[in-house]
Structure formats: structure tokens, C-alpha cells
Amino acid sequence: MNIAEIELAVLSNMCLTQRIPDKDHLRREIEANINARNAKAAPVNWRFTSQDARRKLARLYPRFLN
């Protein structure tokens, strides 16, 4: 998952699990969620590193001779 997908999942779990009566209320809920997430500034802990990618996808990464 990329960062946008992670944030959409968080948004969905935090405020879209309830019934929202109208568009203005939805907008306020989303803005409150965005402000809370930005204030928290939680880093993304990537588990699949570029080294992992080079190892697992070696055929896609060209080798250069030094």
C-alpha cells in the first residue's frame, strides 16, 4: 500500500463508519480527521525496502559493473 491508500483506510475507519447526514457534515468530519492526522504526523514504517526489492526483483534491476 502506498501512503495515500493508508490514509484513505484510516479515514474510512475513523469517520466513514458512521452515517453522515449531508455533504457539509461529511466535509467537516474529513477536515477534522485530516487536521488530527497532520498534527500527529505519524511516520510510515516501510517493511519492503529498496534492498528487499533488489533482492527479490533482481531480474528487474540492471547490474552495473564498476
Protein backbone atom coordinates (compact mmCIF):
# COMPACT_ATOMS: atom_id res chain seq x y z
CA MET A 1 0.00 0.00 0.00
CA ASN A 2 1.18 3.48 -0.63
CA ILE A 3 0.73 6.45 1.70
CA ALA A 4 -2.48 7.64 0.01
CA GLU A 5 -4.08 4.20 0.41
CA ILE A 6 -3.04 4.08 4.06
CA GLU A 7 -4.55 7.50 4.74
CA LEU A 8 -7.79 6.59 2.95
CA ALA A 9 -8.06 3.43 5.05
CA VAL A 10 -7.54 5.45 8.25
CA LEU A 11 -10.13 8.00 7.12
CA SER A 12 -12.59 5.25 6.33
CA ASN A 13 -12.11 3.59 9.71
CA MET A 14 -12.24 6.81 11.73
CA CYS A 15 -15.13 8.77 10.31
CA LEU A 16 -16.84 6.98 7.46
CA THR A 17 -18.15 4.09 9.57
CA GLN A 18 -20.96 6.31 10.83
CA ARG A 19 -23.91 7.73 8.95
CA ILE A 20 -23.26 11.23 7.66
CA PRO A 21 -26.44 13.26 7.11
CA ASP A 22 -25.20 15.71 4.48
CA LYS A 23 -22.23 16.87 2.43
CA ASP A 24 -21.30 19.73 4.78
CA HIS A 25 -21.17 17.39 7.78
CA LEU A 26 -19.04 14.95 5.76
CA ARG A 27 -16.67 17.75 4.81
CA ARG A 28 -16.30 18.82 8.47
CA GLU A 29 -15.65 15.22 9.55
CA ILE A 30 -12.99 14.75 6.88
CA GLU A 31 -11.30 18.07 7.68
CA ALA A 32 -11.22 17.22 11.40
CA ASN A 33 -9.68 13.85 10.57
CA ILE A 34 -7.09 15.39 8.26
CA ASN A 35 -6.13 18.01 10.86
CA ALA A 36 -5.80 15.35 13.58
CA ARG A 37 -3.66 13.11 11.34
CA ASN A 38 -1.44 16.03 10.29
CA ALA A 39 -0.97 17.12 13.91
CA LYS A 40 0.01 13.59 14.89
CA ALA A 41 2.49 13.32 11.98
CA ALA A 42 2.78 9.54 12.24
CA PRO A 43 5.65 8.23 10.11
CA VAL A 44 5.17 5.36 7.68
CA ASN A 45 7.18 2.28 8.59
CA TRP A 46 8.00 0.69 5.25
CA ARG A 47 8.66 -3.03 5.55
CA PHE A 48 9.62 -3.65 1.93
CA THR A 49 12.84 -1.69 1.49
CA SER A 50 14.76 -0.94 -1.68
CA GLN A 51 17.29 -3.61 -0.63
CA ASP A 52 14.44 -6.14 -0.38
CA ALA A 53 13.25 -5.07 -3.83
CA ARG A 54 16.71 -5.52 -5.34
CA ARG A 55 16.99 -8.96 -3.78
CA LYS A 56 13.50 -10.21 -4.70
CA LEU A 57 13.22 -8.47 -8.06
CA ALA A 58 16.82 -8.86 -9.20
CA ARG A 59 15.79 -9.57 -12.79
CA LEU A 60 14.19 -6.09 -12.99
CA TYR A 61 17.22 -4.22 -11.64
CA PRO A 62 20.17 -3.96 -14.04
CA ARG A 63 23.64 -4.67 -12.73
CA PHE A 64 26.34 -2.13 -13.50
CA LEU A 65 30.00 -3.05 -13.46
CA ASN A 66 32.33 -0.76 -11.54
